[in-house]
């Protein structure tokens, strides 16, 4: 009944989970759970840790209901053990699992519970700020941008450090760029890129890419948009994360399509050629990454990634000068089923643009 053994097994399971090896992680998490059960009350924290990881493994295997049931058990064990770190990890993972199933209103309710509990226990500057970034992400996807901005500013009220700071400032940058693209937006993008020198973008690489490209596009600087797309794409590839690669590809292809359109208007065929070259390099990588996506199509997040891939393909058609209104109409309807209102609006915009006489 050695607590150290249960702790080591749970740590191994978590590491494998973070590396995306959910099958191996699940096996070790079960070993850790059994070892923790043998230890009784002395190993409640290790039991919580093991079940928390097992929940994520189950979620990525497509069994969301089982994952949420495991998380409830992990929550209970963590609270009985008085392990606040594990309680906060449970909140973060429950938010992730609900978001995976596109149950975003439920995910938002959970993350707000987590922020309140973090504040009650003096963890507002760390876990609270990090969860604030998660809340802002969900609110942004739901189209509730004013609330998303407020959540980020609240999380940054007292400057937290490192990753806890990085999460809210990233989402603040995104919402301010897409809503206003003003001077503050430029400053936030600059701060984010500077912070990458000390905190690798990691799981946020595609978000950093999107924010930088969107700022340039809103300001009409096509050259900067393509440069940001090229630089950000390299960071996204380093993650080897299929989701980020597909989402990032949709952003890069959007920049390429805008550049190709501008080049054709100006009859500058070198711009069109450069945009086509980048697009032709990015799209096959995204297609290959999608083929190795770990989530089954029964999970909402996988369907969302499929729509991002369809968006990338549609922009690839724009690059080639084959823009068709019906293509964008179908995409708008697909985004409406997720739903992400902003993506619906963008697809409708391109639908209208494609319908205009040339």
Protein backbone atom coordinates (compact mmCIF):
# COMPACT_ATOMS: atom_id res chain seq x y z
CA UNK A 1 0.00 0.00 0.00
CA UNK A 2 2.80 2.41 -0.95
CA UNK A 3 1.44 5.94 -1.70
CA UNK A 4 4.61 6.68 -3.70
CA UNK A 5 3.76 3.88 -6.16
CA UNK A 6 0.23 5.20 -6.73
CA UNK A 7 1.61 8.72 -7.15
CA UNK A 8 4.23 7.59 -9.68
CA UNK A 9 1.70 5.60 -11.70
CA UNK A 10 -0.75 8.53 -11.74
CA UNK A 11 2.03 10.89 -12.87
CA UNK A 12 3.00 8.50 -15.67
CA UNK A 13 -0.61 8.24 -16.81
CA UNK A 14 -0.96 12.03 -16.84
CA UNK A 15 2.22 12.46 -18.86
CA UNK A 16 1.05 9.95 -21.48
CA UNK A 17 -2.31 11.69 -21.61
CA UNK A 18 -0.62 15.06 -22.21
CA UNK A 19 1.39 13.46 -25.02
CA UNK A 20 -1.85 12.27 -26.62
CA UNK A 21 -1.29 8.54 -26.01
CA UNK A 22 -4.73 8.02 -24.51
CA UNK A 23 -4.76 4.22 -24.76
CA UNK A 24 -1.51 3.76 -22.81
CA UNK A 25 -2.52 6.53 -20.41
CA UNK A 26 -5.82 4.80 -19.66
CA UNK A 27 -4.01 1.53 -18.85
CA UNK A 28 -1.61 3.21 -16.42
CA UNK A 29 -4.38 5.33 -14.91
CA UNK A 30 -6.24 2.12 -14.06
CA UNK A 31 -3.09 0.71 -12.45
CA UNK A 32 -2.75 3.93 -10.46
CA UNK A 33 -6.41 3.77 -9.42
CA UNK A 34 -6.06 0.19 -8.17
CA UNK A 35 -2.90 1.09 -6.23
CA UNK A 36 -4.66 4.12 -4.71
CA UNK A 37 -7.74 2.10 -3.74
CA UNK A 38 -5.47 -0.30 -1.82
CA UNK A 39 -4.04 2.66 0.10
CA UNK A 40 -7.45 3.79 1.36
CA UNK A 41 -7.72 7.27 2.84
CA UNK A 42 -3.94 7.74 2.71
CA UNK A 43 -4.02 7.79 -1.10
CA UNK A 44 -7.19 9.76 -1.83
CA UNK A 45 -5.19 12.46 -3.65
CA UNK A 46 -3.55 9.83 -5.87
CA UNK A 47 -6.97 8.26 -6.51
CA UNK A 48 -8.33 11.64 -7.62
CA UNK A 49 -5.30 12.20 -9.85
CA UNK A 50 -5.68 8.80 -11.53
CA UNK A 51 -9.42 9.15 -12.16
CA UNK A 52 -9.04 12.72 -13.40
CA UNK A 53 -6.61 11.49 -16.06
CA UNK A 54 -8.76 8.43 -16.84
CA UNK A 55 -11.68 10.79 -17.47
CA UNK A 56 -9.77 12.68 -20.15
CA UNK A 57 -8.65 9.39 -21.72
CA UNK A 58 -12.28 8.22 -21.85
CA UNK A 59 -13.39 11.52 -23.35
CA UNK A 60 -10.84 11.35 -26.16
CA UNK A 61 -11.92 7.76 -26.80
CA UNK A 62 -15.40 9.14 -27.48
CA UNK A 63 -17.13 8.06 -24.26
CA UNK A 64 -18.06 11.48 -22.85
CA UNK A 65 -20.70 10.18 -20.41
CA UNK A 66 -18.23 7.78 -18.78
CA UNK A 67 -15.61 10.53 -18.73
CA UNK A 68 -17.92 12.89 -16.85
CA UNK A 69 -18.86 10.15 -14.38
CA UNK A 70 -15.17 9.50 -13.67
CA UNK A 71 -14.59 13.21 -13.17
CA UNK A 72 -17.37 13.37 -10.58
CA UNK A 73 -15.57 10.62 -8.65
CA UNK A 74 -12.26 12.47 -9.05
CA UNK A 75 -13.84 15.68 -7.72
CA UNK A 76 -15.15 13.83 -4.67
CA UNK A 77 -11.79 12.17 -3.91
CA UNK A 78 -9.87 15.42 -4.41
CA UNK A 79 -12.14 17.32 -2.04
CA UNK A 80 -11.99 14.58 0.58
CA UNK A 81 -8.19 14.67 0.30
CA UNK A 82 -8.17 18.48 0.59
CA UNK A 83 -6.15 18.64 -2.66
CA UNK A 84 -7.08 22.01 -4.18
CA UNK A 85 -4.66 21.59 -7.09
CA UNK A 86 -6.48 18.45 -8.15
CA UNK A 87 -9.89 20.08 -7.65
CA UNK A 88 -8.83 22.86 -10.04
CA UNK A 89 -7.49 20.34 -12.52
CA UNK A 90 -10.89 18.60 -12.37
CA UNK A 91 -12.61 21.88 -13.23
CA UNK A 92 -10.28 22.47 -16.19
CA UNK A 93 -10.77 18.92 -17.48
CA UNK A 94 -14.55 18.96 -17.04
CA UNK A 95 -14.67 22.18 -19.04
CA UNK A 96 -12.55 20.54 -21.74
CA UNK A 97 -14.75 17.44 -21.89
CA UNK A 98 -17.99 19.41 -22.14
CA UNK A 99 -16.41 21.60 -24.81
CA UNK A 100 -15.32 18.45 -26.66
CA UNK A 101 -18.99 17.49 -26.83
CA UNK A 102 -19.90 21.06 -27.89
CA UNK A 103 -21.92 21.47 -24.68
CA UNK A 104 -20.57 24.98 -24.32
CA UNK A 105 -23.26 26.47 -22.11
CA UNK A 106 -22.66 23.65 -19.61
CA UNK A 107 -18.90 24.11 -19.93
CA UNK A 108 -19.31 27.81 -19.18
CA UNK A 109 -21.30 27.08 -16.03
CA UNK A 110 -18.59 24.67 -14.82
CA UNK A 111 -15.73 27.06 -15.52
CA UNK A 112 -17.50 29.85 -13.63
CA UNK A 113 -17.92 27.50 -10.64
CA UNK A 114 -14.19 26.81 -10.85
CA UNK A 115 -13.30 30.51 -10.94
CA UNK A 116 -15.47 31.16 -7.88
CA UNK A 117 -13.92 28.25 -5.97
CA UNK A 118 -10.41 29.40 -6.93
CA UNK A 119 -11.20 32.89 -5.62
CA UNK A 120 -12.59 31.51 -2.33
CA UNK A 121 -9.37 29.59 -1.78
CA UNK A 122 -6.91 32.33 -2.67
CA UNK A 123 -6.07 30.88 -6.11
CA UNK A 124 -7.56 33.67 -8.19
CA UNK A 125 -4.22 34.78 -9.65
CA UNK A 126 -3.27 31.30 -10.84
CA UNK A 127 -6.04 28.80 -11.46
CA UNK A 128 -8.71 31.53 -11.49
CA UNK A 129 -6.90 33.48 -14.20
CA UNK A 130 -6.28 30.34 -16.26
CA UNK A 131 -9.95 29.33 -16.02
CA UNK A 132 -10.87 32.91 -16.92
CA UNK A 133 -9.13 32.35 -20.25
CA UNK A 134 -11.17 29.17 -20.73
CA UNK A 135 -14.39 31.07 -19.99
CA UNK A 136 -13.44 33.77 -22.49
CA UNK A 137 -12.77 31.15 -25.16
CA UNK A 138 -16.22 29.59 -24.68
CA UNK A 139 -17.95 32.99 -24.61
CA UNK A 140 -16.15 34.01 -27.81
CA UNK A 141 -17.28 30.83 -29.60
CA UNK A 142 -20.86 31.47 -28.42
CA UNK A 143 -20.74 34.98 -29.88
CA UNK A 144 -20.88 36.67 -26.48
CA UNK A 145 -17.89 38.91 -27.10
CA UNK A 146 -18.62 41.65 -24.55
CA UNK A 147 -18.72 39.03 -21.80
CA UNK A 148 -15.57 37.37 -23.15
CA UNK A 149 -13.70 40.68 -23.01
CA UNK A 150 -14.93 41.37 -19.46
CA UNK A 151 -13.84 37.88 -18.32
CA UNK A 152 -10.32 38.44 -19.66
CA UNK A 153 -9.98 41.87 -18.09
CA UNK A 154 -11.15 40.49 -14.75
CA UNK A 155 -8.57 37.66 -14.95
CA UNK A 156 -5.85 40.24 -15.65
CA UNK A 157 -6.91 42.64 -12.91
CA UNK A 158 -3.85 41.63 -10.86
CA UNK A 159 -1.17 40.51 -13.29
CA UNK A 160 -0.68 36.75 -12.87
CA UNK A 161 2.47 35.12 -14.17
CA UNK A 162 3.40 32.65 -16.87
CA UNK A 163 0.74 30.41 -18.33
CA UNK A 164 -1.99 31.82 -16.06
CA UNK A 165 -1.29 35.27 -17.56
CA UNK A 166 -0.90 33.96 -21.09
CA UNK A 167 -4.35 32.39 -21.34
CA UNK A 168 -6.52 35.49 -20.62
CA UNK A 169 -4.31 37.89 -22.58
CA UNK A 170 -4.50 35.62 -25.63
CA UNK A 171 -8.28 35.56 -25.62
CA UNK A 172 -8.46 39.29 -24.88
CA UNK A 173 -6.26 39.81 -27.93
CA UNK A 174 -8.54 37.64 -30.05
CA UNK A 175 -11.78 39.36 -29.07
CA UNK A 176 -10.36 42.89 -29.36
CA UNK A 177 -8.80 42.12 -32.76
CA UNK A 178 -11.99 40.61 -34.19
CA UNK A 179 -14.26 43.23 -32.63
CA UNK A 180 -12.25 46.43 -33.20
CA UNK A 181 -8.73 45.83 -34.61
CA UNK A 182 -7.71 49.07 -32.87
CA UNK A 183 -4.47 50.27 -31.31
CA UNK A 184 -5.02 48.20 -28.16
CA UNK A 185 -5.40 45.15 -30.40
CA UNK A 186 -1.98 45.86 -31.95
CA UNK A 187 -0.42 46.22 -28.51
CA UNK A 188 -1.95 42.94 -27.31
CA UNK A 189 -0.72 41.05 -30.37
CA UNK A 190 2.74 42.53 -29.83
CA UNK A 191 2.75 41.52 -26.14
CA UNK A 192 1.64 38.00 -27.05
CA UNK A 193 4.39 37.55 -29.62
CA UNK A 194 6.95 38.95 -27.17
CA UNK A 195 5.75 36.58 -24.44
CA UNK A 196 6.36 33.64 -26.77
CA UNK A 197 10.05 34.18 -26.02
CA UNK A 198 9.45 32.94 -22.45
CA UNK A 199 6.19 30.93 -22.61
CA UNK A 200 5.91 28.63 -25.66
CA UNK A 201 2.52 28.98 -27.33
CA UNK A 202 1.96 25.21 -27.19
CA UNK A 203 -1.74 24.48 -27.09
CA UNK A 204 -2.50 28.08 -28.11
CA UNK A 205 -0.33 28.20 -31.26
CA UNK A 206 -3.26 28.23 -33.69
CA UNK A 207 -4.92 30.98 -31.64
CA UNK A 208 -1.78 33.14 -31.76
CA UNK A 209 -1.65 32.55 -35.52
CA UNK A 210 -5.28 33.49 -36.01
CA UNK A 211 -5.07 36.67 -33.94
CA UNK A 212 -1.98 37.98 -35.74
CA UNK A 213 -3.39 37.17 -39.20
CA UNK A 214 -6.83 38.64 -38.37
CA UNK A 215 -5.30 41.91 -37.17
CA UNK A 216 -3.39 42.31 -40.45
CA UNK A 217 -6.45 41.40 -42.55
CA UNK A 218 -8.75 43.80 -40.70
CA UNK A 219 -6.19 46.54 -41.30
CA UNK A 220 -5.97 45.68 -44.99
CA UNK A 221 -2.28 44.77 -44.83
CA UNK A 222 -2.22 41.63 -46.95
CA UNK A 223 1.58 41.35 -46.93
CA UNK A 224 1.68 41.36 -43.11
CA UNK A 225 -1.14 38.80 -43.02
CA UNK A 226 0.78 36.37 -45.23
CA UNK A 227 4.00 36.91 -43.25
CA UNK A 228 2.15 36.29 -39.96
CA UNK A 229 0.57 33.19 -41.52
CA UNK A 230 3.93 31.76 -42.57
CA UNK A 231 5.59 32.42 -39.19
CA UNK A 232 2.61 31.19 -37.17
CA UNK A 233 2.25 28.07 -39.30
CA UNK A 234 5.77 26.96 -38.37
CA UNK A 235 4.87 27.21 -34.67
CA UNK A 236 1.63 25.29 -35.24
CA UNK A 237 3.50 22.48 -37.00
CA UNK A 238 5.84 22.16 -34.00
CA UNK A 239 2.87 21.16 -31.82
CA UNK A 240 2.19 18.07 -34.00
CA UNK A 241 -1.43 18.49 -32.82
CA UNK A 242 -3.93 17.52 -35.56
CA UNK A 243 -6.56 19.93 -34.25
CA UNK A 244 -4.23 22.92 -34.19
CA UNK A 245 -2.83 22.04 -37.60
CA UNK A 246 -6.30 21.92 -39.20
CA UNK A 247 -7.51 25.08 -37.43
CA UNK A 248 -4.24 26.83 -38.27
CA UNK A 249 -4.51 25.75 -41.90
CA UNK A 250 -7.94 27.40 -42.19
CA UNK A 251 -6.36 30.68 -41.05
CA UNK A 252 -3.34 30.37 -43.36
CA UNK A 253 -5.56 29.52 -46.34
CA UNK A 254 -7.76 32.54 -45.55
CA UNK A 255 -4.69 34.79 -45.71
CA UNK A 256 -3.61 33.13 -48.97
CA UNK A 257 -7.08 33.63 -50.48
CA UNK A 258 -7.12 37.32 -49.55
CA UNK A 259 -3.64 37.73 -51.06
CA UNK A 260 -4.63 35.91 -54.27
CA UNK A 261 -7.77 38.04 -54.62
CA UNK A 262 -5.75 41.23 -54.12
CA UNK A 263 -3.11 40.05 -56.59
CA UNK A 264 -5.70 39.35 -59.27
CA UNK A 265 -7.30 42.78 -58.78
CA UNK A 266 -3.90 44.46 -59.17
CA UNK A 267 -2.88 42.00 -61.90
CA UNK A 268 0.23 41.27 -59.84
CA UNK A 269 0.69 37.61 -60.68
CA UNK A 270 3.72 37.23 -58.41
CA UNK A 271 1.44 37.78 -55.40
CA UNK A 272 -0.99 35.18 -56.73
CA UNK A 273 1.85 32.72 -57.34
CA UNK A 274 3.29 33.18 -53.82
CA UNK A 275 -0.16 32.74 -52.23
CA UNK A 276 -0.78 29.63 -54.32
CA UNK A 277 2.59 28.16 -53.34
CA UNK A 278 1.92 28.60 -49.61
CA UNK A 279 -1.63 27.27 -49.93
CA UNK A 280 -0.45 24.22 -51.87
CA UNK A 281 2.13 23.47 -49.15
CA UNK A 282 -0.30 23.85 -46.23
CA UNK A 283 -3.47 22.10 -47.40
CA UNK A 284 -2.03 18.56 -47.84
CA UNK A 285 -0.42 18.74 -44.37
CA UNK A 286 -3.80 19.60 -42.87
CA UNK A 287 -5.52 16.78 -44.78
CA UNK A 288 -2.93 14.28 -43.52
CA UNK A 289 -3.30 15.57 -39.95
CA UNK A 290 -7.08 15.27 -40.10
CA UNK A 291 -6.74 11.63 -41.16
CA UNK A 292 -4.86 10.86 -37.92
CA UNK A 293 -7.22 12.84 -35.67
CA UNK A 294 -7.72 10.73 -32.51
CA UNK A 295 -11.37 11.65 -31.87
CA UNK A 296 -14.22 9.58 -33.33
CA UNK A 297 -16.82 11.49 -35.37
CA UNK A 298 -19.41 10.85 -32.65
CA UNK A 299 -17.69 13.57 -30.59
CA UNK A 300 -18.74 17.14 -31.35
CA UNK A 301 -15.22 18.54 -31.41
CA UNK A 302 -14.30 16.17 -34.25
CA UNK A 303 -17.24 17.44 -36.29
CA UNK A 304 -16.05 20.99 -35.59
CA UNK A 305 -12.55 20.17 -36.87
CA UNK A 306 -14.14 18.71 -40.01
CA UNK A 307 -15.87 22.06 -40.61
CA UNK A 308 -12.54 23.88 -40.12
CA UNK A 309 -11.07 21.55 -42.75
CA UNK A 310 -13.95 22.32 -45.10
CA UNK A 311 -13.27 26.03 -44.51
CA UNK A 312 -9.60 25.55 -45.41
CA UNK A 313 -10.62 23.73 -48.62
CA UNK A 314 -13.05 26.52 -49.52
CA UNK A 315 -10.31 29.13 -49.12
CA UNK A 316 -8.06 26.93 -51.26
CA UNK A 317 -10.70 27.18 -53.99
CA UNK A 318 -10.63 30.98 -53.56
CA UNK A 319 -6.87 30.93 -54.05
CA UNK A 320 -7.41 29.13 -57.35
CA UNK A 321 -10.10 31.61 -58.40
CA UNK A 322 -12.89 29.03 -58.14
CA UNK A 323 -15.12 30.83 -55.63
CA UNK A 324 -18.75 29.63 -55.62
CA UNK A 325 -21.62 31.03 -53.48
CA UNK A 326 -23.12 27.58 -52.85
CA UNK A 327 -19.84 26.38 -51.33
CA UNK A 328 -19.98 29.13 -48.71
CA UNK A 329 -23.72 28.67 -48.16
CA UNK A 330 -23.08 25.03 -47.23
CA UNK A 331 -20.27 26.09 -44.90
CA UNK A 332 -22.45 28.69 -43.18
CA UNK A 333 -25.05 26.00 -42.51
CA UNK A 334 -22.34 23.64 -41.21
CA UNK A 335 -21.01 26.29 -38.81
CA UNK A 336 -24.56 27.00 -37.63
CA UNK A 337 -24.86 23.40 -36.41
CA UNK A 338 -21.74 23.68 -34.19
CA UNK A 339 -22.66 26.59 -33.54
CA UNK A 340 -20.08 29.37 -33.92
CA UNK A 341 -21.99 32.53 -34.94
CA UNK A 342 -18.89 34.45 -36.06
CA UNK A 343 -17.87 31.69 -38.45
CA UNK A 344 -21.43 31.62 -39.82
CA UNK A 345 -21.22 35.38 -40.45
CA UNK A 346 -17.84 35.07 -42.18
CA UNK A 347 -19.10 32.28 -44.43
CA UNK A 348 -22.15 34.39 -45.36
CA UNK A 349 -19.82 37.31 -46.17
CA UNK A 350 -17.79 35.17 -48.55
CA UNK A 351 -20.99 33.75 -50.01
CA UNK A 352 -22.12 37.29 -50.83
CA UNK A 353 -18.68 38.18 -52.17
CA UNK A 354 -18.67 35.10 -54.45
CA UNK A 355 -22.12 36.04 -55.76
CA UNK A 356 -20.98 39.47 -56.93
CA UNK A 357 -20.34 39.83 -60.66
CA UNK A 358 -16.62 39.93 -61.53
